[in-house]
Protein backbone atom coordinates (compact mmCIF):
# COMPACT_ATOMS: atom_id res chain seq x y z
CA UNK A 1 119.49 178.93 120.83
CA UNK A 2 120.15 177.98 117.20
CA UNK A 3 116.93 175.92 117.17
CA UNK A 4 114.98 178.91 118.49
CA UNK A 5 116.27 181.05 115.66
CA UNK A 6 115.47 178.39 113.06
CA UNK A 7 111.89 177.89 114.24
CA UNK A 8 111.24 181.61 114.23
CA UNK A 9 112.80 181.95 110.77
CA UNK A 10 110.48 179.30 109.30
CA UNK A 11 107.45 180.99 110.84
CA UNK A 12 108.56 184.35 109.46
CA UNK A 13 109.13 183.04 105.96
CA UNK A 14 105.69 181.42 105.66
CA UNK A 15 103.95 184.81 105.77
CA UNK A 16 103.22 186.10 102.27
CA UNK A 17 103.08 189.89 101.81
CA UNK A 18 99.72 191.54 101.37
CA UNK A 19 99.10 195.08 100.16
CA UNK A 20 96.72 197.17 102.31
CA UNK A 21 94.81 200.22 101.18
CA UNK A 22 96.19 203.62 102.19
CA UNK A 23 95.14 204.81 105.65
CA UNK A 24 95.87 207.70 107.98
CA UNK A 25 96.36 205.43 111.00
CA UNK A 26 99.88 205.10 112.40
CA UNK A 27 100.54 202.32 114.92
CA UNK A 28 103.20 203.00 117.58
CA UNK A 29 104.29 199.99 119.63
CA UNK A 30 106.73 199.46 122.51
CA UNK A 31 107.17 196.93 125.30
CA UNK A 32 105.37 199.28 127.73
CA UNK A 33 102.91 202.13 127.47
CA UNK A 34 105.24 203.96 129.88
CA UNK A 35 107.78 204.11 127.04
CA UNK A 36 105.21 205.68 124.72
CA UNK A 37 103.89 208.14 127.32
CA UNK A 38 107.35 209.31 128.39
CA UNK A 39 109.28 209.30 125.12
CA UNK A 40 106.78 209.54 122.23
CA UNK A 41 104.09 211.99 123.40
CA UNK A 42 105.58 214.83 121.36
CA UNK A 43 105.77 212.62 118.27
CA UNK A 44 102.12 211.59 118.73
CA UNK A 45 101.10 215.24 118.87
CA UNK A 46 103.21 215.93 115.78
CA UNK A 47 101.60 213.06 113.88
CA UNK A 48 98.13 214.27 114.80
CA UNK A 49 99.03 217.78 113.70
CA UNK A 50 100.07 216.38 110.32
CA UNK A 51 96.69 214.69 109.86
CA UNK A 52 97.57 211.15 110.95
CA UNK A 53 95.62 209.03 113.45
CA UNK A 54 98.09 207.52 115.97
CA UNK A 55 97.23 204.21 117.63
CA UNK A 56 99.24 202.91 120.61
CA UNK A 57 99.83 199.16 120.87
CA UNK A 58 101.61 198.13 124.08
CA UNK A 59 101.17 196.33 127.39
CA UNK A 60 98.95 198.59 129.46
CA UNK A 61 99.60 199.94 132.93
CA UNK A 62 96.56 201.32 134.73
CA UNK A 63 98.42 204.40 135.93
CA UNK A 64 100.15 205.18 132.64
CA UNK A 65 97.03 204.50 130.58
CA UNK A 66 95.47 207.76 131.74
CA UNK A 67 98.38 209.68 130.25
CA UNK A 68 97.95 207.88 126.93
CA UNK A 69 94.25 208.70 126.91
CA UNK A 70 95.07 212.36 127.47
CA UNK A 71 96.80 212.25 124.08
CA UNK A 72 93.47 211.30 122.51
CA UNK A 73 94.65 208.13 120.79
CA UNK A 74 93.27 204.61 120.52
CA UNK A 75 94.95 202.07 122.80
CA UNK A 76 95.36 198.37 122.04
CA UNK A 77 96.74 196.07 124.72
CA UNK A 78 99.28 193.39 123.82
CA UNK A 79 101.18 191.01 126.09
CA UNK A 80 104.98 191.12 125.70
CA UNK A 81 107.50 189.08 127.70
CA UNK A 82 110.31 191.61 127.41
CA UNK A 83 113.27 189.43 128.35
CA UNK A 84 111.95 185.91 127.64
CA UNK A 85 113.28 183.69 124.84
CA UNK A 86 110.35 181.28 124.65
CA UNK A 87 109.79 180.75 120.89
CA UNK A 88 106.11 179.87 121.31
CA UNK A 89 105.40 183.07 123.24
CA UNK A 90 107.23 185.11 120.60
CA UNK A 91 105.37 183.42 117.75
CA UNK A 92 102.10 184.22 119.51
CA UNK A 93 103.25 187.83 119.72
CA UNK A 94 104.04 187.83 115.98
CA UNK A 95 100.58 186.45 115.25
CA UNK A 96 98.97 189.09 117.48
CA UNK A 97 100.80 191.90 115.67
CA UNK A 98 99.70 190.52 112.34
CA UNK A 99 96.07 190.15 113.46
CA UNK A 100 95.87 193.73 114.76
CA UNK A 101 97.70 195.30 111.83
CA UNK A 102 95.58 193.38 109.33
CA UNK A 103 92.44 194.74 111.02
CA UNK A 104 93.66 198.35 111.25
CA UNK A 105 95.41 198.57 107.87
CA UNK A 106 97.56 201.51 109.03
CA UNK A 107 99.70 203.66 106.75
CA UNK A 108 102.77 202.72 108.79
CA UNK A 109 104.04 200.90 111.85
CA UNK A 110 106.50 202.59 114.24
CA UNK A 111 108.35 200.18 116.53
CA UNK A 112 110.35 200.77 119.71
CA UNK A 113 112.26 198.31 121.94
CA UNK A 114 113.48 194.91 120.78
CA UNK A 115 110.42 192.68 120.40
CA UNK A 116 108.05 195.31 118.97
CA UNK A 117 110.85 196.25 116.58
CA UNK A 118 111.46 192.70 115.39
CA UNK A 119 108.03 191.05 115.44
CA UNK A 120 105.93 194.14 114.76
CA UNK A 121 108.13 195.17 111.84
CA UNK A 122 108.01 191.71 110.29
CA UNK A 123 104.25 191.42 110.73
CA UNK A 124 103.82 194.84 109.10
CA UNK A 125 106.04 193.91 106.16
CA UNK A 126 104.09 190.67 105.62
CA UNK A 127 100.98 192.80 105.14
CA UNK A 128 102.61 195.35 102.86
CA UNK A 129 102.67 197.98 105.62
CA UNK A 130 105.73 200.20 105.88
CA UNK A 131 107.61 199.63 109.15
CA UNK A 132 109.92 202.17 110.76
CA UNK A 133 111.69 200.51 113.71
CA UNK A 134 113.69 202.69 116.09
CA UNK A 135 116.79 201.09 117.64
CA UNK A 136 117.01 203.28 120.72
CA UNK A 137 119.73 201.14 122.28
CA UNK A 138 121.24 197.70 121.89
CA UNK A 139 120.65 196.45 125.42
CA UNK A 140 122.14 193.55 127.33
CA UNK A 141 122.33 191.22 124.32
CA UNK A 142 124.93 193.44 122.62
CA UNK A 143 126.81 194.40 125.78
CA UNK A 144 127.54 190.72 126.47
CA UNK A 145 128.69 188.53 123.59
CA UNK A 146 127.32 185.02 123.29
CA UNK A 147 124.47 182.92 121.92
CA UNK A 148 121.83 185.48 122.90
CA UNK A 149 123.57 188.12 120.79
CA UNK A 150 123.70 185.72 117.83
CA UNK A 151 120.00 184.97 118.18
CA UNK A 152 118.98 188.62 118.49
CA UNK A 153 121.19 189.56 115.53
CA UNK A 154 119.48 186.93 113.35
CA UNK A 155 116.03 188.10 114.42
CA UNK A 156 116.87 191.75 113.73
CA UNK A 157 118.11 190.79 110.27
CA UNK A 158 114.84 188.98 109.48
CA UNK A 159 112.56 191.55 111.07
CA UNK A 160 114.16 194.58 109.40
CA UNK A 161 114.65 193.08 105.94
CA UNK A 162 111.81 195.00 104.28
CA UNK A 163 111.74 198.11 106.47
CA UNK A 164 112.16 201.21 104.25
CA UNK A 165 113.89 203.07 107.10
CA UNK A 166 115.52 201.91 110.33
CA UNK A 167 116.15 204.71 112.80
CA UNK A 168 119.15 204.75 115.14
CA UNK A 169 120.05 207.17 117.90
CA UNK A 170 123.80 207.26 117.36
CA UNK A 171 126.23 206.62 114.51
CA UNK A 172 128.02 203.75 116.26
CA UNK A 173 124.86 201.62 116.53
CA UNK A 174 124.06 202.42 112.89
CA UNK A 175 127.56 201.42 111.81
CA UNK A 176 127.40 198.17 113.80
CA UNK A 177 124.12 197.13 112.13
CA UNK A 178 125.39 197.92 108.63
CA UNK A 179 128.80 196.33 109.21
CA UNK A 180 127.18 193.10 110.38
CA UNK A 181 124.77 193.28 107.42
CA UNK A 182 121.74 193.31 109.68
CA UNK A 183 120.42 196.12 107.49
CA UNK A 184 121.45 197.77 104.24
CA UNK A 185 123.22 201.14 104.44
CA UNK A 186 120.38 202.80 102.51
CA UNK A 187 117.90 201.85 105.25
CA UNK A 188 119.74 203.57 108.09
CA UNK A 189 119.01 207.03 109.45
CA UNK A 190 120.20 208.60 112.70
CA UNK A 191 117.80 210.53 114.91
CA UNK A 192 118.68 212.94 117.76
CA UNK A 193 117.28 210.48 120.30
CA UNK A 194 113.60 210.84 121.09
CA UNK A 195 114.04 214.60 121.22
CA UNK A 196 113.52 217.02 124.10
CA UNK A 197 110.61 219.40 124.55
CA UNK A 198 112.64 222.56 125.17
CA UNK A 199 109.57 224.49 126.29
CA UNK A 200 108.96 221.94 129.05
CA UNK A 201 112.57 221.32 130.03
CA UNK A 202 113.76 224.86 130.58
CA UNK A 203 117.03 226.17 132.01
CA UNK A 204 116.98 226.36 135.83
CA UNK A 205 119.79 227.84 137.90
CA UNK A 206 121.03 225.29 140.47
CA UNK A 207 120.81 226.02 144.16
CA UNK A 208 124.00 226.84 146.03
CA UNK A 209 125.28 224.45 148.67
CA UNK A 210 126.88 221.00 148.80
CA UNK A 211 126.92 219.04 145.52
CA UNK A 212 123.99 216.79 144.67
CA UNK A 213 124.72 214.02 142.15
CA UNK A 214 121.62 212.52 140.57
CA UNK A 215 121.28 209.25 138.64
CA UNK A 216 118.09 208.99 136.55
CA UNK A 217 117.19 205.71 134.89
CA UNK A 218 116.12 202.11 135.36
CA UNK A 219 117.96 200.47 138.26
CA UNK A 220 120.12 198.07 136.27
CA UNK A 221 123.72 196.96 136.54
CA UNK A 222 124.15 197.76 132.85
CA UNK A 223 123.24 201.36 133.65
CA UNK A 224 126.23 201.57 135.99
CA UNK A 225 124.25 201.76 139.23
CA UNK A 226 126.80 199.67 141.13
CA UNK A 227 129.64 201.92 139.92
CA UNK A 228 127.62 204.94 141.05
CA UNK A 229 127.25 203.36 144.49
CA UNK A 230 130.96 202.50 144.73
CA UNK A 231 131.94 206.01 143.62
CA UNK A 232 129.62 207.53 146.22
CA UNK A 233 131.18 205.41 148.96
CA UNK A 234 134.71 206.34 147.91
CA UNK A 235 133.90 210.08 147.89
CA UNK A 236 132.47 210.23 151.41
CA UNK A 237 135.79 211.20 153.00
CA UNK A 238 136.64 213.97 150.52
CA UNK A 239 133.07 215.22 149.94
CA UNK A 240 131.35 214.57 153.29
CA UNK A 241 128.41 216.87 152.55
CA UNK A 242 127.73 215.58 149.03
CA UNK A 243 124.46 213.79 148.28
CA UNK A 244 124.10 210.87 145.90
CA UNK A 245 120.59 210.16 144.62
CA UNK A 246 118.92 207.43 142.59
CA UNK A 247 115.70 208.17 140.71
CA UNK A 248 114.14 205.38 138.68
CA UNK A 249 112.11 202.23 138.55
CA UNK A 250 113.04 198.70 139.48
CA UNK A 251 113.00 196.38 136.47
CA UNK A 252 113.23 192.94 138.01
CA UNK A 253 112.37 191.21 134.74
CA UNK A 254 115.68 192.44 133.33
CA UNK A 255 118.72 190.15 133.50
CA UNK A 256 120.85 192.88 135.09
CA UNK A 257 118.26 194.23 137.53
CA UNK A 258 119.16 195.71 140.89
CA UNK A 259 116.81 194.32 143.54
CA UNK A 260 114.72 196.44 145.87
CA UNK A 261 116.43 194.85 148.89
CA UNK A 262 119.85 195.87 147.58
CA UNK A 263 118.80 199.49 147.23
CA UNK A 264 117.16 199.45 150.66
CA UNK A 265 120.44 198.27 152.20
CA UNK A 266 122.38 201.04 150.44
CA UNK A 267 119.92 203.60 151.75
CA UNK A 268 120.00 202.24 155.30
CA UNK A 269 123.82 202.41 155.24
CA UNK A 270 123.67 206.05 154.21
CA UNK A 271 125.40 205.41 150.89
CA UNK A 272 122.69 206.85 148.62
CA UNK A 273 119.21 208.32 148.69
CA UNK A 274 116.45 206.61 146.72
CA UNK A 275 113.89 209.07 145.36
CA UNK A 276 111.50 206.44 143.99
CA UNK A 277 109.82 206.92 140.60
CA UNK A 278 108.03 209.89 139.11
CA UNK A 279 106.16 211.02 136.02
CA UNK A 280 108.01 214.33 136.16
CA UNK A 281 111.79 214.30 136.59
CA UNK A 282 112.13 218.08 136.43
CA UNK A 283 112.01 218.81 140.18
CA UNK A 284 114.73 216.24 140.89
CA UNK A 285 116.94 217.59 138.09
CA UNK A 286 116.36 221.16 139.27
CA UNK A 287 117.48 220.20 142.79
CA UNK A 288 120.68 218.54 141.51
CA UNK A 289 124.13 219.94 140.84
CA UNK A 290 124.94 217.41 138.10
CA UNK A 291 123.32 214.37 136.50
CA UNK A 292 125.36 211.16 136.31
CA UNK A 293 124.96 208.18 133.96
CA UNK A 294 127.71 205.51 134.19
CA UNK A 295 125.98 203.26 131.63
CA UNK A 296 127.76 200.48 129.74
CA UNK A 297 126.14 201.48 126.44
CA UNK A 298 123.26 203.69 125.34
CA UNK A 299 121.27 204.67 122.28
CA UNK A 300 120.94 208.32 123.20
CA UNK A 301 120.18 208.66 126.91
CA UNK A 302 117.06 210.64 127.69
CA UNK A 303 118.25 211.46 131.20
CA UNK A 304 121.31 213.31 129.87
CA UNK A 305 119.27 215.13 127.23
CA UNK A 306 116.68 216.34 129.74
CA UNK A 307 119.31 217.29 132.31
CA UNK A 308 121.30 219.19 129.69
CA UNK A 309 118.14 221.00 128.59
CA UNK A 310 117.75 222.18 132.20
CA UNK A 311 121.35 223.48 132.20
CA UNK A 312 122.82 220.76 134.35
CA UNK A 313 126.41 219.65 133.73
CA UNK A 314 126.78 215.95 133.03
CA UNK A 315 129.00 213.05 134.10
CA UNK A 316 128.84 209.94 131.95
CA UNK A 317 130.84 207.01 130.62
CA UNK A 318 132.81 207.29 127.39
CA UNK A 319 130.56 204.86 125.50
CA UNK A 320 128.24 205.05 122.47
CA UNK A 321 125.27 207.28 123.15
CA UNK A 322 126.71 209.02 126.21
CA UNK A 323 129.63 210.55 124.33
CA UNK A 324 127.19 211.84 121.70
CA UNK A 325 125.76 214.13 124.40
CA UNK A 326 128.72 214.84 126.70
CA UNK A 327 131.68 216.85 125.41
CA UNK A 328 134.44 216.27 127.94
CA UNK A 329 135.40 219.48 129.70
CA UNK A 330 132.74 221.50 127.83
CA UNK A 331 129.33 220.45 129.17
CA UNK A 332 130.51 217.75 131.56
CA UNK A 333 133.04 215.00 132.10
CA UNK A 334 133.47 211.54 130.60
CA UNK A 335 134.86 208.60 132.57
CA UNK A 336 135.92 205.03 131.83
CA UNK A 337 133.19 202.41 131.61
CA UNK A 338 132.83 199.85 134.45
CA UNK A 339 135.37 201.85 136.47
CA UNK A 340 134.13 203.29 139.76
CA UNK A 341 137.47 205.01 140.40
CA UNK A 342 137.32 206.86 137.11
CA UNK A 343 133.71 207.81 137.81
CA UNK A 344 134.57 209.04 141.30
CA UNK A 345 137.41 211.16 139.89
CA UNK A 346 135.07 212.78 137.36
CA UNK A 347 132.44 213.47 140.04
CA UNK A 348 135.09 214.96 142.34
CA UNK A 349 136.30 217.23 139.55
CA UNK A 350 132.74 218.40 139.06
CA UNK A 351 132.21 219.00 142.77
CA UNK A 352 135.44 220.98 143.10
CA UNK A 353 134.77 223.23 140.11
CA UNK A 354 134.23 226.88 141.06
CA UNK A 355 130.54 227.78 140.81
CA UNK A 356 131.00 230.05 137.75
CA UNK A 357 132.74 227.24 135.85
CA UNK A 358 130.00 224.76 136.75
CA UNK A 359 127.33 227.24 135.63
CA UNK A 360 129.19 227.69 132.33
CA UNK A 361 129.14 223.91 131.81
CA UNK A 362 125.40 223.91 132.42
CA UNK A 363 124.86 226.67 129.88
CA UNK A 364 126.95 224.74 127.35
CA UNK A 365 124.80 221.68 128.00
CA UNK A 366 121.63 223.66 127.29
CA UNK A 367 123.08 225.08 124.05
CA UNK A 368 124.02 221.61 122.81
CA UNK A 369 120.52 220.26 123.40
CA UNK A 370 118.98 223.29 121.68
CA UNK A 371 121.29 222.94 118.67
CA UNK A 372 121.22 219.17 118.19
CA UNK A 373 118.49 217.35 120.12
CA UNK A 374 115.21 219.23 119.94
CA UNK A 375 111.95 217.29 119.65
CA UNK A 376 111.10 219.14 116.43
CA UNK A 377 114.02 217.44 114.66
CA UNK A 378 112.68 214.00 115.56
CA UNK A 379 109.13 214.80 114.46
CA UNK A 380 110.37 216.22 111.15
CA UNK A 381 112.46 213.10 110.46
CA UNK A 382 109.46 210.82 111.01
CA UNK A 383 107.13 212.96 108.89
CA UNK A 384 109.69 212.99 106.07
CA UNK A 385 110.02 209.19 106.18
CA UNK A 386 106.26 208.72 106.30
CA UNK A 387 105.74 211.09 103.39
CA UNK A 388 108.24 209.15 101.30
CA UNK A 389 106.56 205.86 102.18
CA UNK A 390 103.11 207.22 101.30
CA UNK A 391 104.35 208.32 97.89
CA UNK A 392 105.77 204.86 97.22
CA UNK A 393 102.50 203.17 98.21
CA UNK A 394 100.45 205.57 96.14
CA UNK A 395 102.61 204.90 93.08
CA UNK A 396 102.64 201.11 93.46
């Protein structure tokens, strides 16, 4: 691993900065166009409204691509091995970022997810282009200590060195990066996640009847899917009519992926229901009594933000990101991480709440999202950072 880091470092350091002319193009890049379509559509519209020309650079999915085109932006395909550690593949990715950015000469580069953050930000800096990476979560590398964490830490430090602003989605991730001197304190800013479109995610009164617990997210062990399963099994005797649902995509390239065959066996045993994937989570949230996220660590979980916006009470682990959204006993319940018993106890408390108390929790969840996590806050933060960067370029 140390050799991988060294080879990448030498390649990084051989790139001399260039200064591009000012442009109105803004490149947004993530490890999937699904990420852009689901989490950055509002920002793209905000950028266009401010006179910028957004360009999306990401691996392309035929189905998702139509949604990107609806936003009226240019799409550029790039190949990204999300979980691989092959140094040659990553150096090719760095070269591809530099080639595209040199051709486009954008005013700024906005990165999301690990490799676009690291390699895209460094390529931008080498061309004199302002980079604004967004650390939306620390992922498996920071949940599990070891050589991979050391490698990723070194790459973040190199990639973010010249970024004028590095966005985080919670204070604990920001503090970790500054404490480890991955970035300087003056670079760090905290965003309210990716923001929620409050006009699209509106308050919906839950249906009466047996409780429905919904998990929304990628089917990963690090998201607490196994704990959700174990909690569901343990609650069958005390909540025989309760329903436990999984909504989300398989991500078999991830080191902590849950396999399709595992989920199929859980479904056949009657432990959970699998709802598949969807471009619109609102119907599933509307049909639920509470949304559950037993994740091991988050940036700022979109599933909790969207569920809260729809007035659903929340159950989540007491970890960074989740506890930024869930106020224990106010808009939901927190439980211990990696602890199915604690999760089951929190879900049982939720199920046994009188309906008026559960409705009050849902209303509190909606108020918190309105007050702290609106999409407008995110757009304003980006426009402010871009304006500051433009002034610096114009004066240089």
